[in-house]
């Protein structure tokens, strides 16, 4: 596990239409299923106040904006819809596709603040996969963040 004291934030890869929902439609709820269930033994390295950077997957291959983690929750799809239906990064049909066969599994839900798209995207030499990448001081400098 990564030492959370050394982590500055995380970069997540998203399709352009989802980042448009975040920045243009002002949706501030980010939803991500993790590879492991989070419990007392397996904690996540993200904390409130850290930054989330958004990498446009596809042809752009660049970081196109950021947000700050206001709160972190672990909720199932029903709880997410009942609390945040009009604020989640997906439209309803995208959300249903994303949660298919995982309705009862908890997803990590990040309530974001200070969402801002970059006027000039930060182009990366290496792609970011769907799992994301933690940002520490070394990678922050390397990526130009």
Protein backbone atom coordinates (compact mmCIF):
# COMPACT_ATOMS: atom_id res chain seq x y z
CA UNK A 1 0.00 0.00 0.00
CA UNK A 2 1.18 3.51 -0.78
CA UNK A 3 2.08 5.70 2.20
CA UNK A 4 -0.75 8.30 2.29
CA UNK A 5 1.51 10.94 3.85
CA UNK A 6 3.53 11.03 0.62
CA UNK A 7 0.49 11.19 -1.67
CA UNK A 8 -0.58 14.55 -3.08
CA UNK A 9 -3.50 13.32 -5.17
CA UNK A 10 -4.52 10.99 -7.96
CA UNK A 11 -5.02 11.05 -11.73
CA UNK A 12 -8.03 9.20 -13.13
CA UNK A 13 -8.60 8.45 -16.80
CA UNK A 14 -12.06 9.29 -18.14
CA UNK A 15 -13.71 9.53 -21.56
CA UNK A 16 -14.19 13.09 -22.84
CA UNK A 17 -18.00 13.00 -22.47
CA UNK A 18 -17.65 12.24 -18.74
CA UNK A 19 -15.17 15.05 -18.16
CA UNK A 20 -17.59 17.34 -20.00
CA UNK A 21 -20.24 16.40 -17.44
CA UNK A 22 -17.87 17.31 -14.62
CA UNK A 23 -16.70 20.64 -15.98
CA UNK A 24 -19.43 21.93 -18.29
CA UNK A 25 -22.48 20.57 -16.47
CA UNK A 26 -20.97 21.27 -13.03
CA UNK A 27 -21.44 17.74 -11.71
CA UNK A 28 -19.34 17.32 -8.60
CA UNK A 29 -19.76 13.63 -7.70
CA UNK A 30 -17.07 11.23 -8.96
CA UNK A 31 -17.88 7.49 -8.77
CA UNK A 32 -15.27 4.72 -9.06
CA UNK A 33 -15.41 1.02 -8.36
CA UNK A 34 -12.15 -0.11 -6.78
CA UNK A 35 -10.40 -3.40 -7.41
CA UNK A 36 -10.60 -4.30 -3.71
CA UNK A 37 -13.25 -3.87 -1.07
CA UNK A 38 -12.28 -1.18 1.39
CA UNK A 39 -12.42 -2.24 5.03
CA UNK A 40 -10.36 -1.82 8.19
CA UNK A 41 -7.52 -3.93 6.76
CA UNK A 42 -7.41 -2.41 3.26
CA UNK A 43 -7.68 1.36 3.41
CA UNK A 44 -7.42 3.78 0.52
CA UNK A 45 -4.61 6.31 0.28
CA UNK A 46 -6.83 9.23 -0.72
CA UNK A 47 -7.85 11.78 1.89
CA UNK A 48 -10.11 14.80 2.01
CA UNK A 49 -8.30 17.88 0.71
CA UNK A 50 -6.23 15.97 -1.87
CA UNK A 51 -6.52 16.75 -5.56
CA UNK A 52 -8.01 14.63 -8.31
CA UNK A 53 -6.66 15.25 -11.80
CA UNK A 54 -8.65 14.20 -14.85
CA UNK A 55 -6.89 12.56 -17.79
CA UNK A 56 -8.79 12.57 -21.07
CA UNK A 57 -8.50 9.07 -22.46
CA UNK A 58 -8.48 8.52 -26.20
CA UNK A 59 -6.63 10.81 -28.57
CA UNK A 60 -5.91 13.70 -26.17
CA UNK A 61 -3.66 11.82 -23.72
CA UNK A 62 -3.53 14.84 -21.45
CA UNK A 63 -4.62 16.05 -18.04
CA UNK A 64 -7.46 18.45 -18.72
CA UNK A 65 -8.51 19.62 -15.27
CA UNK A 66 -8.68 19.05 -11.56
CA UNK A 67 -10.86 19.08 -8.47
CA UNK A 68 -10.35 18.91 -4.72
CA UNK A 69 -11.71 16.05 -2.61
CA UNK A 70 -14.29 17.47 -0.22
CA UNK A 71 -15.66 14.16 1.15
CA UNK A 72 -15.13 10.44 0.53
CA UNK A 73 -17.96 7.91 0.80
CA UNK A 74 -18.46 4.22 0.00
CA UNK A 75 -21.98 3.65 -1.28
CA UNK A 76 -23.89 1.15 -3.40
CA UNK A 77 -25.60 2.24 -6.62
CA UNK A 78 -29.01 2.76 -4.99
CA UNK A 79 -27.55 5.00 -2.31
CA UNK A 80 -25.59 6.96 -4.91
CA UNK A 81 -28.68 7.59 -7.01
CA UNK A 82 -30.89 8.54 -4.07
CA UNK A 83 -28.35 11.03 -2.68
CA UNK A 84 -26.66 12.41 -5.80
CA UNK A 85 -28.78 11.61 -8.87
CA UNK A 86 -28.35 15.01 -10.57
CA UNK A 87 -24.78 15.55 -9.39
CA UNK A 88 -22.99 12.34 -10.50
CA UNK A 89 -20.53 12.46 -13.38
CA UNK A 90 -22.67 10.07 -15.45
CA UNK A 91 -26.07 10.61 -16.99
CA UNK A 92 -28.61 7.99 -15.89
CA UNK A 93 -28.07 5.53 -18.77
CA UNK A 94 -24.25 5.78 -18.44
CA UNK A 95 -24.57 5.18 -14.70
CA UNK A 96 -26.74 2.08 -15.20
CA UNK A 97 -24.20 0.71 -17.69
CA UNK A 98 -21.31 1.46 -15.31
CA UNK A 99 -22.89 -0.26 -12.30
CA UNK A 100 -24.27 -3.27 -14.19
CA UNK A 101 -23.77 -6.47 -12.15
CA UNK A 102 -22.26 -4.43 -9.29
CA UNK A 103 -25.43 -2.87 -7.87
CA UNK A 104 -24.80 -4.15 -4.35
CA UNK A 105 -21.07 -3.54 -4.31
CA UNK A 106 -19.91 -0.29 -2.75
CA UNK A 107 -18.18 2.23 -4.99
CA UNK A 108 -15.86 5.00 -3.90
CA UNK A 109 -17.75 8.28 -4.17
CA UNK A 110 -15.77 11.51 -4.15
CA UNK A 111 -17.61 14.74 -3.51
CA UNK A 112 -15.48 17.34 -5.26
CA UNK A 113 -15.04 21.07 -4.93
CA UNK A 114 -13.05 23.63 -6.89
CA UNK A 115 -13.55 21.81 -10.20
CA UNK A 116 -11.64 23.59 -12.91
CA UNK A 117 -10.75 22.68 -16.47
CA UNK A 118 -7.31 23.71 -17.68
CA UNK A 119 -7.08 26.31 -20.44
CA UNK A 120 -4.00 24.46 -21.69
CA UNK A 121 -4.05 20.67 -21.09
CA UNK A 122 -0.94 19.00 -19.68
CA UNK A 123 0.21 16.47 -22.26
CA UNK A 124 1.72 13.28 -20.84
CA UNK A 125 4.25 10.98 -22.47
CA UNK A 126 2.75 7.90 -20.82
CA UNK A 127 -0.95 7.01 -20.78
CA UNK A 128 -2.90 6.68 -17.53
CA UNK A 129 -4.91 3.46 -17.24
CA UNK A 130 -8.45 3.19 -15.87
CA UNK A 131 -7.13 2.28 -12.41
CA UNK A 132 -5.56 5.71 -12.06
CA UNK A 133 -2.19 6.80 -10.73
CA UNK A 134 -1.29 8.24 -7.36
CA UNK A 135 0.61 11.51 -7.46
CA UNK A 136 3.49 12.05 -5.07
CA UNK A 137 6.03 14.88 -5.04
CA UNK A 138 8.25 13.14 -7.61
CA UNK A 139 5.48 12.34 -10.12
CA UNK A 140 3.91 15.77 -9.57
CA UNK A 141 7.10 17.47 -10.78
CA UNK A 142 7.54 14.98 -13.63
CA UNK A 143 3.99 15.56 -14.87
CA UNK A 144 4.21 19.32 -14.53
CA UNK A 145 1.39 19.62 -11.98
